């Protein structure tokens, strides 16, 4: 009993020391989710790098921070809505998008991954999840737009009866004209 009491006393006395060094802070609360200070700092660093690469001037630090936090909040809200609506991105679709991004940068997917990991370990997985999040939100927006767009038979008939519709139908090409 003496050993466990001594251990408990030692643990209680050292607790304030450990409590004094936070691992991360909460920057914002969004629904049941949080945005961590480290996420804000990482996004600020990414934006600063993009601005430097484009040789553009950055907004002042306070404005940049405010814009980053607003962007992260909006992103979390949209991702939450998409998740509740059941929008998912499978790995094949995600890999296809990442392959397109790599191709636009003149690389294969494996070269793209190696380059990102060479710049900062773990950055490929961060980029992967960021792209997945953007795809989820995009797919959710498209679904919502498709739900709102309704074209009836009457709409089609009206278009075809209009001058623009008549002009679209009037253009005909015959094989004899081409030869």
Foldseek 3Di string as FASTA:
>chain_A
DVVVVVVVVVCVVCVVVVVVDDPWAFPDDADPDTDIPVNLVVVLVVVVVVCVVVVHDDDDPVVSSVVSVVVVNVLVVLLVVLVVVPQFDDPVNLLVVLQVVQVVVVHGSVVVVVVQCVVPNPVVVVVSVVSRSVVSSVVVVVVVVVVVDDQDPVNVVVLCPDPVNVVVVPDDDDPVVVD
